[in-house]
Amino acid sequence: MLSCSKLKNILQENPALKDRTLPEGALLSYKGRKYGWLTLKNSSIYLSGNLMQNLKIKTGDKLLAIRSSNIAFTMGVRGTLIDKSNSYIGEIKIY
């Protein structure tokens, strides 16, 4: 199913991601972004301590869901968009 999606090129150039021989939670770099896979459990994803360390996040950090592309979703914890969201006067829902 994914081989016909917009992820096609990423998967073709990264067979370990395509066939899931890349360990769950491991990251690989492709064109300046990091990609990996996680199993969805009870409608949630769980990040290992190692993955959190690699992503430079910690328990309690608030992650902002950022619309970045039609390929994947992005979560941010620092940077310009985070600064703007912190100074936003309106409501940003927390899930």
PDB file of N, CA and C in Angstrom:
ATOM      1  N   MET A   1       0.817  -1.183   0.000  1.00  0.00           N
ATOM      2  CA  MET A   1       0.000   0.000   0.000  1.00  0.00           C
ATOM      3  C   MET A   1       0.870   1.260   0.000  1.00  0.00           C
ATOM      4  N   LEU A   2       1.898   1.322   0.836  1.00  0.00           N
ATOM      5  CA  LEU A   2       2.745   2.506   0.897  1.00  0.00           C
ATOM      6  C   LEU A   2       3.623   2.665  -0.334  1.00  0.00           C
ATOM      7  N   SER A   3       3.879   1.567  -1.049  1.00  0.00           N
ATOM      8  CA  SER A   3       4.742   1.650  -2.228  1.00  0.00           C
ATOM      9  C   SER A   3       4.087   2.433  -3.360  1.00  0.00           C
ATOM     10  N   CYS A   4       2.807   2.705  -3.268  1.00  0.00           N
ATOM     11  CA  CYS A   4       2.102   3.520  -4.262  1.00  0.00           C
ATOM     12  C   CYS A   4       1.792   4.913  -3.714  1.00  0.00           C
ATOM     13  N   SER A   5       2.249   5.214  -2.522  1.00  0.00           N
ATOM     14  CA  SER A   5       1.931   6.488  -1.880  1.00  0.00           C
ATOM     15  C   SER A   5       3.031   7.513  -2.140  1.00  0.00           C
ATOM     16  N   LYS A   6       2.876   8.671  -1.547  1.00  0.00           N
ATOM     17  CA  LYS A   6       3.896   9.718  -1.665  1.00  0.00           C
ATOM     18  C   LYS A   6       5.180   9.340  -0.932  1.00  0.00           C
ATOM     19  N   LEU A   7       5.145   8.267  -0.152  1.00  0.00           N
ATOM     20  CA  LEU A   7       6.346   7.759   0.522  1.00  0.00           C
ATOM     21  C   LEU A   7       7.186   6.873  -0.400  1.00  0.00           C
ATOM     22  N   LYS A   8       6.708   6.649  -1.601  1.00  0.00           N
ATOM     23  CA  LYS A   8       7.338   5.708  -2.536  1.00  0.00           C
ATOM     24  C   LYS A   8       8.847   5.927  -2.670  1.00  0.00           C
ATOM     25  N   ASN A   9       9.277   7.151  -2.951  1.00  0.00           N
ATOM     26  CA  ASN A   9      10.709   7.414  -3.168  1.00  0.00           C
ATOM     27  C   ASN A   9      11.528   7.167  -1.911  1.00  0.00           C
ATOM     28  N   ILE A  10      11.004   7.589  -0.777  1.00  0.00           N
ATOM     29  CA  ILE A  10      11.710   7.373   0.489  1.00  0.00           C
ATOM     30  C   ILE A  10      11.892   5.880   0.726  1.00  0.00           C
ATOM     31  N   LEU A  11      10.834   5.113   0.494  1.00  0.00           N
ATOM     32  CA  LEU A  11      10.892   3.668   0.721  1.00  0.00           C
ATOM     33  C   LEU A  11      11.806   2.973  -0.285  1.00  0.00           C
ATOM     34  N   GLN A  12      11.768   3.392  -1.554  1.00  0.00           N
ATOM     35  CA  GLN A  12      12.628   2.774  -2.568  1.00  0.00           C
ATOM     36  C   GLN A  12      14.102   3.005  -2.260  1.00  0.00           C
ATOM     37  N   GLU A  13      14.427   4.186  -1.771  1.00  0.00           N
ATOM     38  CA  GLU A  13      15.826   4.512  -1.501  1.00  0.00           C
ATOM     39  C   GLU A  13      16.289   4.060  -0.114  1.00  0.00           C
ATOM     40  N   ASN A  14      15.363   3.562   0.685  1.00  0.00           N
ATOM     41  CA  ASN A  14      15.687   3.090   2.037  1.00  0.00           C
ATOM     42  C   ASN A  14      14.994   1.761   2.293  1.00  0.00           C
ATOM     43  N   PRO A  15      15.507   0.678   1.697  1.00  0.00           N
ATOM     44  CA  PRO A  15      14.842  -0.620   1.807  1.00  0.00           C
ATOM     45  C   PRO A  15      14.666  -1.105   3.248  1.00  0.00           C
ATOM     46  N   ALA A  16      15.543  -0.708   4.155  1.00  0.00           N
ATOM     47  CA  ALA A  16      15.392  -1.133   5.555  1.00  0.00           C
ATOM     48  C   ALA A  16      14.127  -0.541   6.167  1.00  0.00           C
ATOM     49  N   LEU A  17      13.740   0.626   5.696  1.00  0.00           N
ATOM     50  CA  LEU A  17      12.495   1.231   6.159  1.00  0.00           C
ATOM     51  C   LEU A  17      11.305   0.559   5.477  1.00  0.00           C
ATOM     52  N   LYS A  18      11.465   0.287   4.191  1.00  0.00           N
ATOM     53  CA  LYS A  18      10.388  -0.338   3.416  1.00  0.00           C
ATOM     54  C   LYS A  18      10.033  -1.717   3.964  1.00  0.00           C
ATOM     55  N   ASP A  19      11.032  -2.548   4.220  1.00  0.00           N
ATOM     56  CA  ASP A  19      10.745  -3.923   4.666  1.00  0.00           C
ATOM     57  C   ASP A  19      10.785  -4.067   6.189  1.00  0.00           C
ATOM     58  N   ARG A  20      10.911  -2.933   6.873  1.00  0.00           N
ATOM     59  CA  ARG A  20      10.899  -2.873   8.342  1.00  0.00           C
ATOM     60  C   ARG A  20      11.992  -3.723   8.979  1.00  0.00           C
ATOM     61  N   THR A  21      13.131  -3.823   8.303  1.00  0.00           N
ATOM     62  CA  THR A  21      14.295  -4.428   8.954  1.00  0.00           C
ATOM     63  C   THR A  21      15.031  -3.380   9.789  1.00  0.00           C
ATOM     64  N   LEU A  22      14.714  -2.104   9.558  1.00  0.00           N
ATOM     65  CA  LEU A  22      15.188  -1.044  10.438  1.00  0.00           C
ATOM     66  C   LEU A  22      14.496  -1.270  11.776  1.00  0.00           C
ATOM     67  N   PRO A  23      15.235  -1.362  12.864  1.00  0.00           N
ATOM     68  CA  PRO A  23      14.595  -1.630  14.159  1.00  0.00           C
ATOM     69  C   PRO A  23      13.538  -0.575  14.506  1.00  0.00           C
ATOM     70  N   GLU A  24      12.487  -1.015  15.158  1.00  0.00           N
ATOM     71  CA  GLU A  24      11.432  -0.094  15.578  1.00  0.00           C
ATOM     72  C   GLU A  24      12.035   1.010  16.438  1.00  0.00           C
ATOM     73  N   GLY A  25      11.725   2.252  16.095  1.00  0.00           N
ATOM     74  CA  GLY A  25      12.226   3.397  16.845  1.00  0.00           C
ATOM     75  C   GLY A  25      13.578   3.908  16.386  1.00  0.00           C
ATOM     76  N   ALA A  26      14.267   3.155  15.520  1.00  0.00           N
ATOM     77  CA  ALA A  26      15.546   3.631  14.973  1.00  0.00           C
ATOM     78  C   ALA A  26      15.244   4.689  13.912  1.00  0.00           C
ATOM     79  N   LEU A  27      16.168   5.605  13.725  1.00  0.00           N
ATOM     80  CA  LEU A  27      15.977   6.679  12.756  1.00  0.00           C
ATOM     81  C   LEU A  27      17.022   6.600  11.663  1.00  0.00           C
ATOM     82  N   LEU A  28      16.606   6.961  10.447  1.00  0.00           N
ATOM     83  CA  LEU A  28      17.562   7.121   9.360  1.00  0.00           C
ATOM     84  C   LEU A  28      17.335   8.486   8.746  1.00  0.00           C
ATOM     85  N   SER A  29      18.393   9.061   8.197  1.00  0.00           N
ATOM     86  CA  SER A  29      18.306  10.383   7.589  1.00  0.00           C
ATOM     87  C   SER A  29      18.113  10.246   6.095  1.00  0.00           C
ATOM     88  N   TYR A  30      17.231  11.069   5.560  1.00  0.00           N
ATOM     89  CA  TYR A  30      16.961  11.089   4.125  1.00  0.00           C
ATOM     90  C   TYR A  30      16.618  12.523   3.748  1.00  0.00           C
ATOM     91  N   LYS A  31      17.450  13.124   2.919  1.00  0.00           N
ATOM     92  CA  LYS A  31      17.250  14.489   2.438  1.00  0.00           C
ATOM     93  C   LYS A  31      16.982  15.470   3.579  1.00  0.00           C
ATOM     94  N   GLY A  32      17.797  15.367   4.616  1.00  0.00           N
ATOM     95  CA  GLY A  32      17.733  16.329   5.703  1.00  0.00           C
ATOM     96  C   GLY A  32      16.674  16.083   6.758  1.00  0.00           C
ATOM     97  N   ARG A  33      15.910  15.007   6.622  1.00  0.00           N
ATOM     98  CA  ARG A  33      14.886  14.680   7.620  1.00  0.00           C
ATOM     99  C   ARG A  33      15.150  13.292   8.164  1.00  0.00           C
ATOM    100  N   LYS A  34      14.603  13.029   9.335  1.00  0.00           N
ATOM    101  CA  LYS A  34      14.758  11.708   9.948  1.00  0.00           C
ATOM    102  C   LYS A  34      13.455  10.938   9.801  1.00  0.00           C
ATOM    103  N   TYR A  35      13.599   9.656   9.470  1.00  0.00           N
ATOM    104  CA  TYR A  35      12.443   8.776   9.297  1.00  0.00           C
ATOM    105  C   TYR A  35      12.646   7.511  10.106  1.00  0.00           C
ATOM    106  N   GLY A  36      11.553   6.950  10.540  1.00  0.00           N
ATOM    107  CA  GLY A  36      11.559   5.694  11.270  1.00  0.00           C
ATOM    108  C   GLY A  36      10.140   5.166  11.309  1.00  0.00           C
ATOM    109  N   TRP A  37       9.941   4.142  12.093  1.00  0.00           N
ATOM    110  CA  TRP A  37       8.584   3.607  12.229  1.00  0.00           C
ATOM    111  C   TRP A  37       8.355   3.167  13.668  1.00  0.00           C
ATOM    112  N   LEU A  38       7.099   3.245  14.077  1.00  0.00           N
ATOM    113  CA  LEU A  38       6.673   2.808  15.404  1.00  0.00           C
ATOM    114  C   LEU A  38       5.351   2.074  15.262  1.00  0.00           C
ATOM    115  N   THR A  39       5.117   1.121  16.123  1.00  0.00           N
ATOM    116  CA  THR A  39       3.854   0.401  16.151  1.00  0.00           C
ATOM    117  C   THR A  39       2.821   1.240  16.892  1.00  0.00           C
ATOM    118  N   LEU A  40       1.627   1.316  16.337  1.00  0.00           N
ATOM    119  CA  LEU A  40       0.518   1.987  16.995  1.00  0.00           C
ATOM    120  C   LEU A  40      -0.087   1.018  17.998  1.00  0.00           C
ATOM    121  N   LYS A  41      -0.141   1.416  19.267  1.00  0.00           N
ATOM    122  CA  LYS A  41      -0.680   0.564  20.333  1.00  0.00           C
ATOM    123  C   LYS A  41      -1.745   1.341  21.087  1.00  0.00           C
ATOM    124  N   ASN A  42      -2.971   0.803  21.097  1.00  0.00           N
ATOM    125  CA  ASN A  42      -4.076   1.475  21.800  1.00  0.00           C
ATOM    126  C   ASN A  42      -4.212   2.933  21.359  1.00  0.00           C
ATOM    127  N   SER A  43      -4.136   3.165  20.054  1.00  0.00           N
ATOM    128  CA  SER A  43      -4.262   4.505  19.463  1.00  0.00           C
ATOM    129  C   SER A  43      -3.150   5.460  19.896  1.00  0.00           C
ATOM    130  N   SER A  44      -2.022   4.932  20.347  1.00  0.00           N
ATOM    131  CA  SER A  44      -0.909   5.767  20.796  1.00  0.00           C
ATOM    132  C   SER A  44       0.405   5.204  20.275  1.00  0.00           C
ATOM    133  N   ILE A  45       1.402   6.073  20.220  1.00  0.00           N
ATOM    134  CA  ILE A  45       2.756   5.611  19.947  1.00  0.00           C
ATOM    135  C   ILE A  45       3.558   5.792  21.227  1.00  0.00           C
ATOM    136  N   TYR A  46       4.500   4.926  21.431  1.00  0.00           N
ATOM    137  CA  TYR A  46       5.345   4.973  22.615  1.00  0.00           C
ATOM    138  C   TYR A  46       6.788   5.153  22.167  1.00  0.00           C
ATOM    139  N   LEU A  47       7.444   6.153  22.739  1.00  0.00           N
ATOM    140  CA  LEU A  47       8.827   6.440  22.383  1.00  0.00           C
ATOM    141  C   LEU A  47       9.747   5.897  23.461  1.00  0.00           C
ATOM    142  N   SER A  48      10.725   5.121  23.038  1.00  0.00           N
ATOM    143  CA  SER A  48      11.700   4.571  23.987  1.00  0.00           C
ATOM    144  C   SER A  48      12.604   5.695  24.495  1.00  0.00           C
ATOM    145  N   GLY A  49      13.264   5.434  25.590  1.00  0.00           N
ATOM    146  CA  GLY A  49      14.223   6.394  26.126  1.00  0.00           C
ATOM    147  C   GLY A  49      15.319   6.716  25.130  1.00  0.00           C
ATOM    148  N   ASN A  50      15.777   5.701  24.399  1.00  0.00           N
ATOM    149  CA  ASN A  50      16.823   5.895  23.398  1.00  0.00           C
ATOM    150  C   ASN A  50      16.331   6.804  22.272  1.00  0.00           C
ATOM    151  N   LEU A  51      15.100   6.573  21.808  1.00  0.00           N
ATOM    152  CA  LEU A  51      14.550   7.407  20.739  1.00  0.00           C
ATOM    153  C   LEU A  51      14.376   8.842  21.233  1.00  0.00           C
ATOM    154  N   MET A  52      13.886   8.997  22.446  1.00  0.00           N
ATOM    155  CA  MET A  52      13.721  10.346  22.995  1.00  0.00           C
ATOM    156  C   MET A  52      15.066  11.062  23.102  1.00  0.00           C
ATOM    157  N   GLN A  53      16.095  10.328  23.486  1.00  0.00           N
ATOM    158  CA  GLN A  53      17.434  10.915  23.570  1.00  0.00           C
ATOM    159  C   GLN A  53      17.914  11.334  22.180  1.00  0.00           C
ATOM    160  N   ASN A  54      17.702  10.479  21.174  1.00  0.00           N
ATOM    161  CA  ASN A  54      18.104  10.813  19.805  1.00  0.00           C
ATOM    162  C   ASN A  54      17.361  12.033  19.274  1.00  0.00           C
ATOM    163  N   LEU A  55      16.105  12.190  19.689  1.00  0.00           N
ATOM    164  CA  LEU A  55      15.297  13.326  19.244  1.00  0.00           C
ATOM    165  C   LEU A  55      15.488  14.560  20.127  1.00  0.00           C
ATOM    166  N   LYS A  56      16.285  14.400  21.176  1.00  0.00           N
ATOM    167  CA  LYS A  56      16.564  15.488  22.124  1.00  0.00           C
ATOM    168  C   LYS A  56      15.282  16.013  22.767  1.00  0.00           C
ATOM    169  N   ILE A  57      14.419  15.063  23.181  1.00  0.00           N
ATOM    170  CA  ILE A  57      13.212  15.413  23.926  1.00  0.00           C
ATOM    171  C   ILE A  57      13.214  14.630  25.229  1.00  0.00           C
ATOM    172  N   LYS A  58      12.408  15.099  26.179  1.00  0.00           N
ATOM    173  CA  LYS A  58      12.343  14.409  27.465  1.00  0.00           C
ATOM    174  C   LYS A  58      10.894  14.324  27.923  1.00  0.00           C
ATOM    175  N   THR A  59      10.628  13.447  28.860  1.00  0.00           N
ATOM    176  CA  THR A  59       9.300  13.305  29.430  1.00  0.00           C
ATOM    177  C   THR A  59       8.848  14.653  29.973  1.00  0.00           C
ATOM    178  N   GLY A  60       7.637  15.039  29.625  1.00  0.00           N
ATOM    179  CA  GLY A  60       7.092  16.318  30.071  1.00  0.00           C
ATOM    180  C   GLY A  60       7.181  17.416  29.033  1.00  0.00           C
ATOM    181  N   ASP A  61       8.025  17.237  27.999  1.00  0.00           N
ATOM    182  CA  ASP A  61       8.084  18.231  26.927  1.00  0.00           C
ATOM    183  C   ASP A  61       6.736  18.275  26.218  1.00  0.00           C
ATOM    184  N   LYS A  62       6.310  19.477  25.855  1.00  0.00           N
ATOM    185  CA  LYS A  62       5.099  19.631  25.054  1.00  0.00           C
ATOM    186  C   LYS A  62       5.523  19.641  23.595  1.00  0.00           C
ATOM    187  N   LEU A  63       4.949  18.734  22.816  1.00  0.00           N
ATOM    188  CA  LEU A  63       5.265  18.645  21.394  1.00  0.00           C
ATOM    189  C   LEU A  63       4.143  19.297  20.605  1.00  0.00           C
ATOM    190  N   LEU A  64       4.487  20.171  19.687  1.00  0.00           N
ATOM    191  CA  LEU A  64       3.512  20.852  18.854  1.00  0.00           C
ATOM    192  C   LEU A  64       3.373  20.097  17.543  1.00  0.00           C
ATOM    193  N   ALA A  65       2.141  19.718  17.191  1.00  0.00           N
ATOM    194  CA  ALA A  65       1.887  19.075  15.899  1.00  0.00           C
ATOM    195  C   ALA A  65       1.940  20.160  14.829  1.00  0.00           C
ATOM    196  N   ILE A  66       2.809  19.968  13.850  1.00  0.00           N
ATOM    197  CA  ILE A  66       3.050  20.970  12.816  1.00  0.00           C
ATOM    198  C   ILE A  66       2.679  20.383  11.463  1.00  0.00           C
ATOM    199  N   ARG A  67       1.838  21.083  10.725  1.00  0.00           N
ATOM    200  CA  ARG A  67       1.505  20.648   9.366  1.00  0.00           C
ATOM    201  C   ARG A  67       2.710  20.977   8.495  1.00  0.00           C
ATOM    202  N   SER A  68       3.387  19.938   8.041  1.00  0.00           N
ATOM    203  CA  SER A  68       4.629  20.188   7.315  1.00  0.00           C
ATOM    204  C   SER A  68       4.587  19.720   5.867  1.00  0.00           C
ATOM    205  N   SER A  69       3.912  18.623   5.603  1.00  0.00           N
ATOM    206  CA  SER A  69       3.865  18.103   4.238  1.00  0.00           C
ATOM    207  C   SER A  69       2.732  17.101   4.148  1.00  0.00           C
ATOM    208  N   ASN A  70       2.539  16.581   2.957  1.00  0.00           N
ATOM    209  CA  ASN A  70       1.529  15.533   2.784  1.00  0.00           C
ATOM    210  C   ASN A  70       2.173  14.151   2.851  1.00  0.00           C
ATOM    211  N   ILE A  71       3.404  14.087   3.342  1.00  0.00           N
ATOM    212  CA  ILE A  71       4.102  12.807   3.440  1.00  0.00           C
ATOM    213  C   ILE A  71       4.045  12.257   4.858  1.00  0.00           C
ATOM    214  N   ALA A  72       4.291  13.102   5.831  1.00  0.00           N
ATOM    215  CA  ALA A  72       4.338  12.642   7.221  1.00  0.00           C
ATOM    216  C   ALA A  72       3.940  13.792   8.128  1.00  0.00           C
ATOM    217  N   PHE A  73       3.802  13.514   9.406  1.00  0.00           N
ATOM    218  CA  PHE A  73       3.516  14.603  10.331  1.00  0.00           C
ATOM    219  C   PHE A  73       4.787  14.946  11.094  1.00  0.00           C
ATOM    220  N   THR A  74       4.842  16.173  11.548  1.00  0.00           N
ATOM    221  CA  THR A  74       6.012  16.660  12.254  1.00  0.00           C
ATOM    222  C   THR A  74       5.599  17.118  13.642  1.00  0.00           C
ATOM    223  N   MET A  75       6.420  16.806  14.606  1.00  0.00           N
ATOM    224  CA  MET A  75       6.214  17.284  15.973  1.00  0.00           C
ATOM    225  C   MET A  75       7.425  18.139  16.322  1.00  0.00           C
ATOM    226  N   GLY A  76       7.168  19.307  16.901  1.00  0.00           N
ATOM    227  CA  GLY A  76       8.261  20.198  17.258  1.00  0.00           C
ATOM    228  C   GLY A  76       8.289  20.484  18.742  1.00  0.00           C
ATOM    229  N   VAL A  77       9.472  20.734  19.259  1.00  0.00           N
ATOM    230  CA  VAL A  77       9.628  21.070  20.673  1.00  0.00           C
ATOM    231  C   VAL A  77      10.421  22.371  20.853  1.00  0.00           C
ATOM    232  N   ARG A  78      11.117  22.817  19.815  1.00  0.00           N
ATOM    233  CA  ARG A  78      11.871  24.058  19.893  1.00  0.00           C
ATOM    234  C   ARG A  78      11.975  24.659  18.495  1.00  0.00           C
ATOM    235  N   GLY A  79      12.217  25.955  18.454  1.00  0.00           N
ATOM    236  CA  GLY A  79      12.368  26.631  17.175  1.00  0.00           C
ATOM    237  C   GLY A  79      11.389  27.786  17.015  1.00  0.00           C
ATOM    238  N   THR A  80      11.414  28.403  15.837  1.00  0.00           N
ATOM    239  CA  THR A  80      10.608  29.590  15.557  1.00  0.00           C
ATOM    240  C   THR A  80       9.117  29.338  15.725  1.00  0.00           C
ATOM    241  N   LEU A  81       8.615  28.225  15.180  1.00  0.00           N
ATOM    242  CA  LEU A  81       7.184  27.942  15.304  1.00  0.00           C
ATOM    243  C   LEU A  81       6.778  27.704  16.754  1.00  0.00           C
ATOM    244  N   ILE A  82       7.643  27.101  17.529  1.00  0.00           N
ATOM    245  CA  ILE A  82       7.353  26.874  18.946  1.00  0.00           C
ATOM    246  C   ILE A  82       7.308  28.217  19.670  1.00  0.00           C
ATOM    247  N   ASP A  83       8.256  29.098  19.372  1.00  0.00           N
ATOM    248  CA  ASP A  83       8.256  30.434  19.978  1.00  0.00           C
ATOM    249  C   ASP A  83       6.968  31.178  19.641  1.00  0.00           C
ATOM    250  N   LYS A  84       6.531  31.088  18.384  1.00  0.00           N
ATOM    251  CA  LYS A  84       5.284  31.753  17.977  1.00  0.00           C
ATOM    252  C   LYS A  84       4.083  31.146  18.692  1.00  0.00           C
ATOM    253  N   SER A  85       4.061  29.825  18.832  1.00  0.00           N
ATOM    254  CA  SER A  85       2.928  29.188  19.509  1.00  0.00           C
ATOM    255  C   SER A  85       2.904  29.556  20.993  1.00  0.00           C
ATOM    256  N   ASN A  86       4.068  29.706  21.603  1.00  0.00           N
ATOM    257  CA  ASN A  86       4.132  30.086  23.017  1.00  0.00           C
ATOM    258  C   ASN A  86       3.620  31.504  23.254  1.00  0.00           C
ATOM    259  N   SER A  87       3.748  32.378  22.257  1.00  0.00           N
ATOM    260  CA  SER A  87       3.274  33.757  22.417  1.00  0.00           C
ATOM    261  C   SER A  87       1.878  33.961  21.822  1.00  0.00           C
ATOM    262  N   TYR A  88       1.275  32.903  21.284  1.00  0.00           N
ATOM    263  CA  TYR A  88      -0.064  32.981  20.692  1.00  0.00           C
ATOM    264  C   TYR A  88      -1.091  33.265  21.781  1.00  0.00           C
ATOM    265  N   ILE A  89      -1.957  34.241  21.553  1.00  0.00           N
ATOM    266  CA  ILE A  89      -2.939  34.646  22.555  1.00  0.00           C
ATOM    267  C   ILE A  89      -4.152  33.715  22.570  1.00  0.00           C
ATOM    268  N   GLY A  90      -4.498  33.131  21.438  1.00  0.00           N
ATOM    269  CA  GLY A  90      -5.655  32.238  21.361  1.00  0.00           C
ATOM    270  C   GLY A  90      -5.395  30.895  22.030  1.00  0.00           C
ATOM    271  N   GLU A  91      -6.332  29.972  21.823  1.00  0.00           N
ATOM    272  CA  GLU A  91      -6.231  28.647  22.445  1.00  0.00           C
ATOM    273  C   GLU A  91      -5.586  27.645  21.489  1.00  0.00           C
ATOM    274  N   ILE A  92      -4.656  26.888  21.991  1.00  0.00           N
ATOM    275  CA  ILE A  92      -4.095  25.739  21.279  1.00  0.00           C
ATOM    276  C   ILE A  92      -4.453  24.527  22.118  1.00  0.00           C
ATOM    277  N   LYS A  93      -5.258  23.627  21.546  1.00  0.00           N
ATOM    278  CA  LYS A  93      -5.720  22.465  22.308  1.00  0.00           C
ATOM    279  C   LYS A  93      -4.557  21.551  22.674  1.00  0.00           C
ATOM    280  N   ILE A  94      -4.622  21.024  23.873  1.00  0.00           N
ATOM    281  CA  ILE A  94      -3.619  20.078  24.355  1.00  0.00           C
ATOM    282  C   ILE A  94      -4.265  18.711  24.424  1.00  0.00           C
ATOM    283  N   TYR A  95      -3.628  17.716  23.801  1.00  0.00           N
ATOM    284  CA  TYR A  95      -4.163  16.346  23.784  1.00  0.00           C
ATOM    285  C   TYR A  95      -3.266  15.435  24.569  1.00  0.00           C
TER     286      TYR A  95
END
